[in-house]
Amino acid sequence: MAFKLQVNGVDHDVDVDDDTPLLWILRDILGLTGTKFGCGMALCGACTVHVDGVATRSCVTTVDSIGTSAISTIETMSDSSVGRKVQAAWHELEVPQCGYCQSGQIMSATALLTDNSNPSDTDIDDAMSGNICRCGTYPRIRAAIKMAAQTIRANAAEGK
């Protein structure tokens, strides 16, 4: 079946079965390999993308469920102000160890901070639950989210 998808602001025509997971379209057809395959069951978060700004597990999201929604992947997170601040905090605090889960972690953190620039620890836990880091960098992830949130709030107060 033919589907038109808007990925990272670009329209793409794909001819796939209607139950094809978005993950495989992104990686295998569109060549956007920043989104990772982890578990295939929406349990680990490595495949997280944004669908209309909402953190979504692409391994279980079928193409026929997307409709006209806008899809954003890790490849364009630096295009948004919040995404840049999250990535800068990740870099400054040296969050990644092996790095495999980090695109999913950044996608979830960016979705959180886009909606809530002053998250509590509970807000962070809720937003990041289901994003698994086998290396255990959770303390650095939390610190980076708090750092990015502080930068976002400071820039908002300065009118930036």
N, C-alpha and C. Protein backbone atom coordinates (compact mmCIF):
# COMPACT_ATOMS: atom_id res chain seq x y z
N MET A 1 0.83 -1.18 0.00
CA MET A 1 0.00 0.00 0.00
C MET A 1 0.88 1.24 0.00
N ALA A 2 0.38 2.28 -0.58
CA ALA A 2 1.12 3.55 -0.63
C ALA A 2 0.71 4.43 0.54
N PHE A 3 1.71 5.00 1.21
CA PHE A 3 1.49 5.91 2.32
C PHE A 3 2.36 7.14 2.11
N LYS A 4 1.83 8.28 2.51
CA LYS A 4 2.60 9.52 2.51
C LYS A 4 2.88 9.86 3.96
N LEU A 5 4.16 9.98 4.28
CA LEU A 5 4.58 10.31 5.64
C LEU A 5 5.35 11.61 5.64
N GLN A 6 5.12 12.42 6.67
CA GLN A 6 5.93 13.62 6.86
C GLN A 6 6.95 13.31 7.96
N VAL A 7 8.20 13.18 7.56
CA VAL A 7 9.27 12.83 8.49
C VAL A 7 10.29 13.96 8.48
N ASN A 8 10.53 14.53 9.64
CA ASN A 8 11.49 15.61 9.79
C ASN A 8 11.21 16.75 8.81
N GLY A 9 9.93 17.03 8.60
CA GLY A 9 9.51 18.13 7.76
C GLY A 9 9.52 17.86 6.27
N VAL A 10 9.81 16.63 5.89
CA VAL A 10 9.88 16.27 4.47
C VAL A 10 8.83 15.19 4.19
N ASP A 11 8.09 15.36 3.10
CA ASP A 11 7.11 14.34 2.71
C ASP A 11 7.81 13.19 2.00
N HIS A 12 7.41 11.98 2.36
CA HIS A 12 7.96 10.77 1.76
C HIS A 12 6.81 9.86 1.36
N ASP A 13 6.90 9.29 0.17
CA ASP A 13 5.95 8.28 -0.27
C ASP A 13 6.62 6.92 -0.06
N VAL A 14 5.92 6.04 0.66
CA VAL A 14 6.45 4.69 0.89
C VAL A 14 5.39 3.68 0.48
N ASP A 15 5.84 2.58 -0.06
CA ASP A 15 4.94 1.51 -0.46
C ASP A 15 5.27 0.29 0.39
N VAL A 16 4.48 0.12 1.46
CA VAL A 16 4.73 -0.95 2.43
C VAL A 16 3.39 -1.53 2.87
N ASP A 17 3.43 -2.68 3.52
CA ASP A 17 2.23 -3.24 4.12
C ASP A 17 1.73 -2.30 5.21
N ASP A 18 0.43 -2.26 5.41
CA ASP A 18 -0.15 -1.32 6.37
C ASP A 18 0.24 -1.59 7.82
N ASP A 19 0.70 -2.80 8.12
CA ASP A 19 1.12 -3.11 9.49
C ASP A 19 2.63 -3.02 9.69
N THR A 20 3.33 -2.40 8.75
CA THR A 20 4.77 -2.24 8.87
C THR A 20 5.08 -1.26 10.00
N PRO A 21 5.95 -1.64 10.94
CA PRO A 21 6.32 -0.72 12.01
C PRO A 21 7.06 0.51 11.46
N LEU A 22 6.74 1.65 12.03
CA LEU A 22 7.38 2.90 11.63
C LEU A 22 8.90 2.79 11.73
N LEU A 23 9.40 2.10 12.73
CA LEU A 23 10.85 1.94 12.92
C LEU A 23 11.53 1.45 11.66
N TRP A 24 10.95 0.44 11.01
CA TRP A 24 11.60 -0.16 9.84
C TRP A 24 11.51 0.75 8.63
N ILE A 25 10.47 1.55 8.56
CA ILE A 25 10.38 2.54 7.48
C ILE A 25 11.48 3.58 7.66
N LEU A 26 11.62 4.07 8.89
CA LEU A 26 12.63 5.08 9.16
C LEU A 26 14.03 4.56 8.87
N ARG A 27 14.34 3.39 9.37
CA ARG A 27 15.71 2.85 9.24
C ARG A 27 15.98 2.27 7.86
N ASP A 28 15.10 1.39 7.40
CA ASP A 28 15.40 0.62 6.19
C ASP A 28 15.03 1.31 4.89
N ILE A 29 13.98 2.11 4.92
CA ILE A 29 13.54 2.76 3.68
C ILE A 29 14.08 4.19 3.59
N LEU A 30 13.99 4.94 4.69
CA LEU A 30 14.41 6.34 4.66
C LEU A 30 15.87 6.54 5.08
N GLY A 31 16.51 5.51 5.61
CA GLY A 31 17.92 5.60 5.98
C GLY A 31 18.20 6.44 7.21
N LEU A 32 17.21 6.63 8.06
CA LEU A 32 17.38 7.41 9.30
C LEU A 32 17.71 6.45 10.42
N THR A 33 18.98 6.16 10.58
CA THR A 33 19.41 5.10 11.48
C THR A 33 19.69 5.57 12.91
N GLY A 34 19.41 6.82 13.22
CA GLY A 34 19.56 7.30 14.58
C GLY A 34 18.56 6.67 15.53
N THR A 35 17.39 6.31 15.00
CA THR A 35 16.37 5.61 15.78
C THR A 35 16.78 4.15 15.85
N LYS A 36 16.90 3.62 17.04
CA LYS A 36 17.47 2.27 17.22
C LYS A 36 16.40 1.21 17.46
N PHE A 37 16.72 -0.01 17.06
CA PHE A 37 15.92 -1.17 17.41
C PHE A 37 16.50 -1.73 18.71
N GLY A 38 15.62 -1.92 19.68
CA GLY A 38 16.07 -2.50 20.95
C GLY A 38 15.37 -3.80 21.23
N CYS A 39 14.08 -3.72 21.56
CA CYS A 39 13.36 -4.91 21.98
C CYS A 39 12.25 -5.33 21.02
N GLY A 40 11.73 -4.40 20.25
CA GLY A 40 10.64 -4.71 19.34
C GLY A 40 9.28 -4.82 20.02
N MET A 41 9.21 -4.48 21.31
CA MET A 41 7.96 -4.61 22.06
C MET A 41 7.60 -3.36 22.85
N ALA A 42 8.23 -2.23 22.53
CA ALA A 42 7.97 -0.95 23.19
C ALA A 42 8.33 -0.96 24.68
N LEU A 43 9.32 -1.75 25.05
CA LEU A 43 9.70 -1.86 26.46
C LEU A 43 10.98 -1.11 26.80
N CYS A 44 11.84 -0.85 25.80
CA CYS A 44 13.15 -0.30 26.12
C CYS A 44 13.32 1.17 25.76
N GLY A 45 12.55 1.68 24.81
CA GLY A 45 12.60 3.09 24.45
C GLY A 45 13.65 3.48 23.43
N ALA A 46 14.48 2.55 22.98
CA ALA A 46 15.53 2.89 22.01
C ALA A 46 14.96 3.41 20.70
N CYS A 47 13.75 3.04 20.38
CA CYS A 47 13.11 3.40 19.10
C CYS A 47 12.24 4.65 19.19
N THR A 48 12.35 5.42 20.27
CA THR A 48 11.46 6.55 20.49
C THR A 48 11.65 7.64 19.45
N VAL A 49 10.53 8.08 18.88
CA VAL A 49 10.46 9.23 17.98
C VAL A 49 9.34 10.11 18.48
N HIS A 50 9.15 11.25 17.85
CA HIS A 50 8.00 12.10 18.16
C HIS A 50 6.98 11.97 17.05
N VAL A 51 5.74 11.75 17.41
CA VAL A 51 4.62 11.78 16.48
C VAL A 51 3.73 12.92 16.95
N ASP A 52 3.69 13.98 16.16
CA ASP A 52 3.01 15.22 16.56
C ASP A 52 3.49 15.68 17.93
N GLY A 53 4.80 15.57 18.17
CA GLY A 53 5.41 16.06 19.40
C GLY A 53 5.34 15.13 20.59
N VAL A 54 4.68 14.01 20.45
CA VAL A 54 4.51 13.06 21.55
C VAL A 54 5.55 11.93 21.39
N ALA A 55 6.28 11.65 22.47
CA ALA A 55 7.24 10.56 22.45
C ALA A 55 6.50 9.25 22.18
N THR A 56 6.92 8.55 21.12
CA THR A 56 6.19 7.37 20.64
C THR A 56 7.19 6.27 20.32
N ARG A 57 6.86 5.05 20.70
CA ARG A 57 7.72 3.90 20.39
C ARG A 57 7.45 3.46 18.95
N SER A 58 8.41 3.65 18.09
CA SER A 58 8.21 3.39 16.66
C SER A 58 8.23 1.90 16.31
N CYS A 59 8.71 1.06 17.21
CA CYS A 59 8.77 -0.38 16.90
C CYS A 59 7.39 -1.02 16.90
N VAL A 60 6.42 -0.40 17.59
CA VAL A 60 5.07 -0.96 17.64
C VAL A 60 4.03 -0.02 17.02
N THR A 61 4.49 1.07 16.45
CA THR A 61 3.59 2.02 15.79
C THR A 61 3.55 1.66 14.31
N THR A 62 2.40 1.20 13.86
CA THR A 62 2.29 0.79 12.46
C THR A 62 2.04 1.99 11.56
N VAL A 63 2.47 1.87 10.34
CA VAL A 63 2.37 2.97 9.38
C VAL A 63 0.92 3.39 9.17
N ASP A 64 -0.01 2.45 9.23
CA ASP A 64 -1.41 2.80 8.99
C ASP A 64 -2.01 3.61 10.14
N SER A 65 -1.33 3.70 11.28
CA SER A 65 -1.83 4.48 12.41
C SER A 65 -1.32 5.92 12.40
N ILE A 66 -0.42 6.24 11.50
CA ILE A 66 0.22 7.56 11.49
C ILE A 66 -0.67 8.63 10.87
N GLY A 67 -1.35 8.31 9.78
CA GLY A 67 -2.18 9.30 9.11
C GLY A 67 -1.36 10.48 8.64
N THR A 68 -1.81 11.68 8.97
CA THR A 68 -1.11 12.90 8.54
C THR A 68 -0.21 13.47 9.63
N SER A 69 0.05 12.71 10.67
CA SER A 69 0.87 13.18 11.78
C SER A 69 2.29 13.48 11.34
N ALA A 70 2.89 14.46 11.98
CA ALA A 70 4.29 14.80 11.72
C ALA A 70 5.19 13.94 12.59
N ILE A 71 6.18 13.34 11.98
CA ILE A 71 7.13 12.47 12.66
C ILE A 71 8.47 13.20 12.74
N SER A 72 9.06 13.20 13.92
CA SER A 72 10.40 13.78 14.09
C SER A 72 11.30 12.71 14.69
N THR A 73 12.53 12.67 14.20
CA THR A 73 13.51 11.70 14.68
C THR A 73 14.69 12.44 15.31
N ILE A 74 15.58 11.70 15.91
CA ILE A 74 16.76 12.26 16.56
C ILE A 74 17.58 13.11 15.59
N GLU A 75 17.51 12.80 14.31
CA GLU A 75 18.30 13.54 13.32
C GLU A 75 17.96 15.02 13.27
N THR A 76 16.77 15.40 13.74
CA THR A 76 16.39 16.82 13.70
C THR A 76 16.17 17.44 15.07
N MET A 77 16.57 16.78 16.13
CA MET A 77 16.36 17.37 17.45
C MET A 77 17.14 18.67 17.63
N SER A 78 18.26 18.82 16.96
CA SER A 78 19.02 20.06 17.10
C SER A 78 18.36 21.21 16.34
N ASP A 79 17.31 20.94 15.59
CA ASP A 79 16.57 22.00 14.91
C ASP A 79 15.66 22.77 15.85
N SER A 80 15.34 22.18 17.00
CA SER A 80 14.46 22.87 17.95
C SER A 80 15.29 23.42 19.11
N SER A 81 14.82 24.51 19.66
CA SER A 81 15.51 25.14 20.78
C SER A 81 15.64 24.18 21.96
N VAL A 82 14.54 23.50 22.27
CA VAL A 82 14.56 22.56 23.41
C VAL A 82 15.51 21.40 23.10
N GLY A 83 15.44 20.86 21.90
CA GLY A 83 16.32 19.76 21.52
C GLY A 83 17.79 20.13 21.63
N ARG A 84 18.13 21.34 21.20
CA ARG A 84 19.52 21.80 21.31
C ARG A 84 19.96 21.87 22.76
N LYS A 85 19.08 22.35 23.62
CA LYS A 85 19.44 22.46 25.03
C LYS A 85 19.60 21.09 25.68
N VAL A 86 18.74 20.16 25.31
CA VAL A 86 18.86 18.80 25.83
C VAL A 86 20.18 18.18 25.35
N GLN A 87 20.47 18.29 24.08
CA GLN A 87 21.71 17.72 23.56
C GLN A 87 22.94 18.38 24.18
N ALA A 88 22.89 19.70 24.40
CA ALA A 88 24.02 20.38 25.03
C ALA A 88 24.24 19.88 26.46
N ALA A 89 23.15 19.68 27.19
CA ALA A 89 23.27 19.17 28.56
C ALA A 89 23.81 17.75 28.55
N TRP A 90 23.35 16.93 27.61
CA TRP A 90 23.84 15.55 27.48
C TRP A 90 25.35 15.57 27.25
N HIS A 91 25.79 16.47 26.38
CA HIS A 91 27.22 16.56 26.05
C HIS A 91 28.02 17.07 27.25
N GLU A 92 27.53 18.14 27.87
CA GLU A 92 28.27 18.74 28.98
C GLU A 92 28.44 17.77 30.14
N LEU A 93 27.40 16.98 30.43
CA LEU A 93 27.46 16.05 31.55
C LEU A 93 27.95 14.66 31.14
N GLU A 94 28.34 14.53 29.88
CA GLU A 94 28.85 13.25 29.37
C GLU A 94 27.93 12.10 29.73
N VAL A 95 26.66 12.26 29.37
CA VAL A 95 25.64 11.28 29.73
C VAL A 95 25.90 9.90 29.11
N PRO A 96 26.16 9.80 27.82
CA PRO A 96 26.26 8.45 27.23
C PRO A 96 27.47 7.67 27.73
N GLN A 97 27.26 6.39 27.85
CA GLN A 97 28.39 5.50 28.07
C GLN A 97 28.55 4.71 26.78
N CYS A 98 27.72 3.70 26.53
CA CYS A 98 27.81 3.03 25.23
C CYS A 98 27.06 3.82 24.17
N GLY A 99 26.00 4.54 24.58
CA GLY A 99 25.27 5.43 23.69
C GLY A 99 24.11 4.83 22.95
N TYR A 100 23.92 3.52 23.01
CA TYR A 100 22.89 2.89 22.19
C TYR A 100 21.49 3.43 22.48
N CYS A 101 21.17 3.63 23.72
CA CYS A 101 19.82 4.07 24.10
C CYS A 101 19.63 5.57 24.02
N GLN A 102 20.69 6.30 23.79
CA GLN A 102 20.64 7.74 23.99
C GLN A 102 19.72 8.49 23.04
N SER A 103 19.56 8.05 21.81
CA SER A 103 18.62 8.77 20.94
C SER A 103 17.21 8.68 21.50
N GLY A 104 16.81 7.53 22.00
CA GLY A 104 15.50 7.38 22.62
C GLY A 104 15.38 8.19 23.89
N GLN A 105 16.46 8.23 24.68
CA GLN A 105 16.46 9.01 25.91
C GLN A 105 16.28 10.50 25.59
N ILE A 106 17.02 10.98 24.61
CA ILE A 106 16.94 12.39 24.22
C ILE A 106 15.56 12.73 23.67
N MET A 107 14.99 11.83 22.89
CA MET A 107 13.65 12.08 22.33
C MET A 107 12.62 12.19 23.45
N SER A 108 12.69 11.31 24.44
CA SER A 108 11.75 11.37 25.56
C SER A 108 11.96 12.63 26.40
N ALA A 109 13.22 12.97 26.66
CA ALA A 109 13.53 14.16 27.46
C ALA A 109 13.07 15.43 26.74
N THR A 110 13.27 15.48 25.43
CA THR A 110 12.87 16.66 24.66
C THR A 110 11.35 16.82 24.65
N ALA A 111 10.63 15.71 24.51
CA ALA A 111 9.16 15.78 24.57
C ALA A 111 8.72 16.29 25.94
N LEU A 112 9.34 15.80 27.00
CA LEU A 112 9.01 16.25 28.35
C LEU A 112 9.23 17.75 28.49
N LEU A 113 10.42 18.22 28.13
CA LEU A 113 10.77 19.62 28.37
C LEU A 113 10.07 20.57 27.41
N THR A 114 9.59 20.08 26.31
CA THR A 114 8.79 20.91 25.41
C THR A 114 7.46 21.26 26.08
N ASP A 115 6.93 20.31 26.82
CA ASP A 115 5.65 20.52 27.51
C ASP A 115 5.79 21.06 28.92
N ASN A 116 6.94 20.82 29.55
CA ASN A 116 7.10 21.16 30.97
C ASN A 116 8.55 21.56 31.22
N SER A 117 8.79 22.85 31.30
CA SER A 117 10.17 23.32 31.48
C SER A 117 10.60 23.33 32.95
N ASN A 118 9.74 22.88 33.84
CA ASN A 118 10.09 22.81 35.25
C ASN A 118 9.61 21.48 35.84
N PRO A 119 10.14 20.38 35.32
CA PRO A 119 9.64 19.07 35.76
C PRO A 119 10.14 18.70 37.16
N SER A 120 9.26 18.07 37.91
CA SER A 120 9.65 17.50 39.20
C SER A 120 10.34 16.17 38.94
N ASP A 121 10.91 15.60 39.98
CA ASP A 121 11.52 14.28 39.83
C ASP A 121 10.47 13.26 39.37
N THR A 122 9.25 13.37 39.88
CA THR A 122 8.18 12.47 39.47
C THR A 122 7.85 12.66 37.99
N ASP A 123 7.81 13.92 37.53
CA ASP A 123 7.56 14.18 36.11
C ASP A 123 8.64 13.53 35.25
N ILE A 124 9.88 13.67 35.69
CA ILE A 124 11.00 13.07 34.94
C ILE A 124 10.88 11.55 34.95
N ASP A 125 10.60 10.98 36.11
CA ASP A 125 10.44 9.52 36.19
C ASP A 125 9.34 9.04 35.26
N ASP A 126 8.21 9.74 35.26
CA ASP A 126 7.08 9.34 34.42
C ASP A 126 7.43 9.44 32.94
N ALA A 127 8.07 10.53 32.55
CA ALA A 127 8.41 10.73 31.13
C ALA A 127 9.48 9.76 30.65
N MET A 128 10.39 9.40 31.53
CA MET A 128 11.52 8.57 31.13
C MET A 128 11.30 7.08 31.41
N SER A 129 10.19 6.75 32.07
CA SER A 129 9.94 5.34 32.35
C SER A 129 9.80 4.59 31.02
N GLY A 130 10.37 3.45 30.97
CA GLY A 130 10.35 2.68 29.73
C GLY A 130 11.53 2.97 28.83
N ASN A 131 12.38 3.91 29.20
CA ASN A 131 13.64 4.14 28.50
C ASN A 131 14.73 3.47 29.33
N ILE A 132 15.22 2.38 28.83
CA ILE A 132 16.17 1.58 29.58
C ILE A 132 17.59 1.87 29.12
N CYS A 133 18.47 2.04 30.09
CA CYS A 133 19.90 2.24 29.82
C CYS A 133 20.65 1.09 30.49
N ARG A 134 21.16 0.19 29.69
CA ARG A 134 21.88 -0.97 30.24
C ARG A 134 23.15 -0.56 30.97
N CYS A 135 23.69 0.61 30.63
CA CYS A 135 24.91 1.07 31.28
C CYS A 135 24.65 1.76 32.61
N GLY A 136 23.37 2.08 32.88
CA GLY A 136 23.01 2.66 34.16
C GLY A 136 23.34 4.14 34.31
N THR A 137 23.24 4.90 33.23
CA THR A 137 23.56 6.33 33.33
C THR A 137 22.38 7.17 33.81
N TYR A 138 21.45 6.56 34.50
CA TYR A 138 20.25 7.27 34.96
C TYR A 138 20.54 8.54 35.77
N PRO A 139 21.50 8.53 36.69
CA PRO A 139 21.77 9.78 37.43
C PRO A 139 22.22 10.91 36.50
N ARG A 140 23.04 10.60 35.50
CA ARG A 140 23.49 11.64 34.56
C ARG A 140 22.34 12.08 33.66
N ILE A 141 21.46 11.15 33.28
CA ILE A 141 20.28 11.50 32.47
C ILE A 141 19.41 12.48 33.24
N ARG A 142 19.11 12.18 34.49
CA ARG A 142 18.28 13.06 35.32
C ARG A 142 18.96 14.43 35.47
N ALA A 143 20.25 14.43 35.74
CA ALA A 143 20.98 15.70 35.90
C ALA A 143 20.94 16.52 34.61
N ALA A 144 21.08 15.86 33.47
CA ALA A 144 21.05 16.56 32.19
C ALA A 144 19.67 17.14 31.91
N ILE A 145 18.62 16.41 32.26
CA ILE A 145 17.27 16.93 32.08
C ILE A 145 17.07 18.17 32.95
N LYS A 146 17.54 18.11 34.18
CA LYS A 146 17.41 19.27 35.08
C LYS A 146 18.24 20.45 34.57
N MET A 147 19.43 20.18 34.06
CA MET A 147 20.27 21.25 33.51
C MET A 147 19.60 21.89 32.30
N ALA A 148 19.09 21.07 31.39
CA ALA A 148 18.41 21.60 30.21
C ALA A 148 17.19 22.41 30.61
N ALA A 149 16.42 21.92 31.58
CA ALA A 149 15.24 22.64 32.05
C ALA A 149 15.63 24.00 32.63
N GLN A 150 16.69 24.03 33.40
CA GLN A 150 17.15 25.29 33.98
C GLN A 150 17.55 26.27 32.88
N THR A 151 18.23 25.80 31.85
CA THR A 151 18.63 26.65 30.73
C THR A 151 17.41 27.17 29.98
N ILE A 152 16.44 26.31 29.77
CA ILE A 152 15.20 26.71 29.09
C ILE A 152 14.50 27.81 29.89
N ARG A 153 14.38 27.61 31.18
CA ARG A 153 13.71 28.61 32.03
C ARG A 153 14.48 29.92 32.05
N ALA A 154 15.81 29.85 32.14
CA ALA A 154 16.64 31.07 32.16
C ALA A 154 16.50 31.84 30.84
N ASN A 155 16.50 31.12 29.74
CA ASN A 155 16.35 31.77 28.43
C ASN A 155 14.96 32.39 28.30
N ALA A 156 13.94 31.72 28.82
CA ALA A 156 12.58 32.27 28.77
C ALA A 156 12.49 33.55 29.60
N ALA A 157 13.16 33.56 30.75
CA ALA A 157 13.14 34.76 31.61
C ALA A 157 13.86 35.93 30.94
N GLU A 158 14.86 35.61 30.11
CA GLU A 158 15.60 36.65 29.39
C GLU A 158 14.95 37.01 28.06
N GLY A 159 13.85 36.31 27.75
CA GLY A 159 13.15 36.59 26.49
C GLY A 159 13.80 35.99 25.27
N LYS A 160 14.62 34.96 25.46
CA LYS A 160 15.30 34.30 24.33
C LYS A 160 14.46 33.17 23.78
